[in-house]
Each structure stands twice: as structure tokens, then as C-alpha cells.
């Protein structure tokens, strides 16, 4: 799991895919913020289509890559977390998020984590590494 967290810390802009409410695939960039007790955290707003899609169907896939062509792919389900202290930690870590939501108790602000499987791979020919999240 430490390899997954390290990869996300070094490559915090990830691309999250969901099943849209129209049944079509949707992909958008989001940020990884931090981990606590080996749990990675991300955020959104409950007014956004991404939240509505994940609320209706929590399955997702996400990916990001390094400039050296190493990548991670994570597949699983999201879990929304209603913890004001953790939400405040995200808000305090990012000025854009702070300007949008101000405080962790903002009713629009949503925090989530992920559960599933991660794969880290590259073009070296070496076998991919697999992890449980």
C-alpha cells in the first residue's frame, strides 16, 4: 500500500472514470490530497455530476502516470466519509478548495476514499505490481 500512496503523492493529478447517469463513461481530472492510516482521500461537491454518478454507482477507475511512463491504475468503489476534521484537513491543504468550500462543515463539500485494487506498471517488461486498497 505504501507504494500506492507514494505514487499518488508524487502524481496527485489523477483521472477518475465513472458511469454517467446517461449510461456513458465519464472521465475527469481530480486531485489526491493526503492519506491517513493508509487511507487515501479525495473530494468533490454534492452539486457536481461526479458525486451524483458515484452516489448512484460507486464503481470507478482512476489512473495517472509519471513523465517516465510509469502508471497506476486503481479500480474499485468509493466510500463517502462524513468526518468534519478530515474535510477540514483537505480544505486547509489547498487554497482552491478553501476558496470554494471555506470550512469542513460546508454541506456541499464531500470527502471520499477508495477501496479496491491498484496496479503499478511501466514499459520495462517487468511484471506489474498489484496492491489491495
Protein backbone atom coordinates (compact mmCIF):
# COMPACT_ATOMS: atom_id res chain seq x y z
CA UNK A 1 0.00 0.00 0.00
CA UNK A 2 2.89 2.38 0.70
CA UNK A 3 3.86 2.18 -2.99
CA UNK A 4 0.34 3.27 -3.98
CA UNK A 5 0.35 6.23 -1.57
CA UNK A 6 3.85 7.25 -2.67
CA UNK A 7 2.79 7.12 -6.32
CA UNK A 8 -0.29 9.28 -5.60
CA UNK A 9 1.74 11.76 -3.54
CA UNK A 10 4.21 12.17 -6.40
CA UNK A 11 1.46 12.30 -9.07
CA UNK A 12 -1.53 13.90 -7.37
CA UNK A 13 -3.47 14.80 -10.52
CA UNK A 14 -5.43 11.65 -11.37
CA UNK A 15 -8.13 10.89 -13.92
CA UNK A 16 -11.28 9.35 -12.49
CA UNK A 17 -13.74 7.41 -14.66
CA UNK A 18 -17.36 6.81 -13.67
CA UNK A 19 -20.52 5.56 -15.28
CA UNK A 20 -22.51 8.65 -16.14
CA UNK A 21 -26.17 8.98 -15.26
CA UNK A 22 -26.78 8.70 -19.01
CA UNK A 23 -25.01 5.30 -19.03
CA UNK A 24 -21.95 6.66 -20.85
CA UNK A 25 -18.39 6.63 -19.49
CA UNK A 26 -17.22 9.93 -17.93
CA UNK A 27 -13.60 10.84 -17.14
CA UNK A 28 -12.36 13.92 -15.31
CA UNK A 29 -9.21 15.10 -13.56
CA UNK A 30 -9.29 15.24 -9.77
CA UNK A 31 -6.66 15.64 -7.06
CA UNK A 32 -5.38 13.22 -4.47
CA UNK A 33 -4.97 15.14 -1.18
CA UNK A 34 -3.48 13.00 1.58
CA UNK A 35 -3.56 9.67 3.36
CA UNK A 36 -4.28 8.88 6.95
CA UNK A 37 -3.72 5.38 8.31
CA UNK A 38 -3.08 4.10 4.76
CA UNK A 39 -6.41 5.52 3.57
CA UNK A 40 -6.20 7.88 0.56
CA UNK A 41 -8.59 10.86 0.39
CA UNK A 42 -10.18 12.79 -2.47
CA UNK A 43 -13.01 15.34 -2.57
CA UNK A 44 -15.86 16.72 -4.65
CA UNK A 45 -19.11 18.64 -4.19
CA UNK A 46 -22.52 17.05 -3.95
CA UNK A 47 -23.73 19.51 -6.60
CA UNK A 48 -21.41 18.03 -9.22
CA UNK A 49 -22.30 15.26 -11.64
CA UNK A 50 -19.29 13.23 -10.42
CA UNK A 51 -20.82 12.98 -6.95
CA UNK A 52 -24.23 12.07 -8.34
CA UNK A 53 -22.70 9.38 -10.56
CA UNK A 54 -20.67 7.87 -7.70
CA UNK A 55 -23.63 8.08 -5.34
CA UNK A 56 -25.74 6.13 -7.85
CA UNK A 57 -22.95 3.66 -8.69
CA UNK A 58 -19.79 3.77 -6.52
CA UNK A 59 -17.66 1.84 -9.02
CA UNK A 60 -14.78 3.77 -10.56
CA UNK A 61 -11.43 3.50 -12.24
CA UNK A 62 -8.64 6.05 -11.97
CA UNK A 63 -5.22 6.43 -13.46
CA UNK A 64 -2.22 8.72 -13.62
CA UNK A 65 1.29 8.43 -14.99
CA UNK A 66 4.80 9.76 -14.46
CA UNK A 67 6.81 11.59 -17.12
CA UNK A 68 8.91 8.38 -17.30
CA UNK A 69 5.84 6.36 -18.44
CA UNK A 70 5.17 4.51 -15.23
CA UNK A 71 1.47 4.42 -14.40
CA UNK A 72 -1.00 3.40 -11.77
CA UNK A 73 -4.49 2.13 -12.39
CA UNK A 74 -6.92 1.77 -9.48
CA UNK A 75 -10.28 0.04 -9.76
CA UNK A 76 -12.88 -0.31 -7.05
CA UNK A 77 -15.59 1.53 -5.18
CA UNK A 78 -15.69 4.89 -3.43
CA UNK A 79 -16.84 5.43 0.13
CA UNK A 80 -18.06 8.88 1.12
CA UNK A 81 -16.75 9.99 4.52
CA UNK A 82 -18.66 12.39 6.75
CA UNK A 83 -15.83 13.48 9.05
CA UNK A 84 -15.57 17.26 9.56
CA UNK A 85 -11.97 17.08 10.83
CA UNK A 86 -10.78 15.15 7.76
CA UNK A 87 -12.74 17.50 5.48
CA UNK A 88 -11.08 20.48 7.18
CA UNK A 89 -7.68 18.87 6.62
CA UNK A 90 -8.36 18.81 2.86
CA UNK A 91 -9.60 22.40 2.92
CA UNK A 92 -6.52 23.57 4.83
CA UNK A 93 -4.23 21.77 2.37
CA UNK A 94 -5.43 23.51 -0.79
CA UNK A 95 -6.22 27.19 -1.43
CA UNK A 96 -8.60 26.46 -4.29
CA UNK A 97 -10.63 24.02 -2.18
CA UNK A 98 -10.58 26.53 0.69
CA UNK A 99 -11.89 29.31 -1.57
CA UNK A 100 -14.72 27.05 -2.78
CA UNK A 101 -15.88 25.50 0.50
CA UNK A 102 -14.34 27.56 3.35
CA UNK A 103 -14.90 25.04 6.16
CA UNK A 104 -15.16 21.30 6.66
CA UNK A 105 -18.76 21.58 7.76
CA UNK A 106 -19.89 23.04 4.43
CA UNK A 107 -22.90 20.85 3.48
CA UNK A 108 -21.89 20.83 -0.22
CA UNK A 109 -18.35 19.54 0.41
CA UNK A 110 -17.87 15.77 0.08
CA UNK A 111 -14.87 13.69 1.08
CA UNK A 112 -14.30 10.19 -0.18
CA UNK A 113 -11.85 7.34 -0.08
CA UNK A 114 -11.44 4.33 -2.31
CA UNK A 115 -11.40 0.55 -1.86
CA UNK A 116 -10.23 -1.87 -4.48
CA UNK A 117 -7.18 -2.97 -6.42
CA UNK A 118 -4.22 -0.99 -7.72
CA UNK A 119 -1.70 -1.89 -10.39
CA UNK A 120 1.59 -0.08 -10.94
CA UNK A 121 3.24 -0.85 -14.27
CA UNK A 122 5.60 0.51 -16.91
CA UNK A 123 7.09 -0.38 -20.29
CA UNK A 124 10.20 -2.06 -18.83
CA UNK A 125 8.95 -5.58 -19.43
CA UNK A 126 8.99 -6.28 -15.70
CA UNK A 127 5.77 -7.67 -14.24
CA UNK A 128 3.23 -5.16 -12.94
CA UNK A 129 2.86 -4.86 -9.16
CA UNK A 130 -0.58 -5.38 -7.62
CA UNK A 131 -1.96 -3.97 -4.37
CA UNK A 132 -5.16 -4.03 -2.32
CA UNK A 133 -6.51 -0.69 -1.13
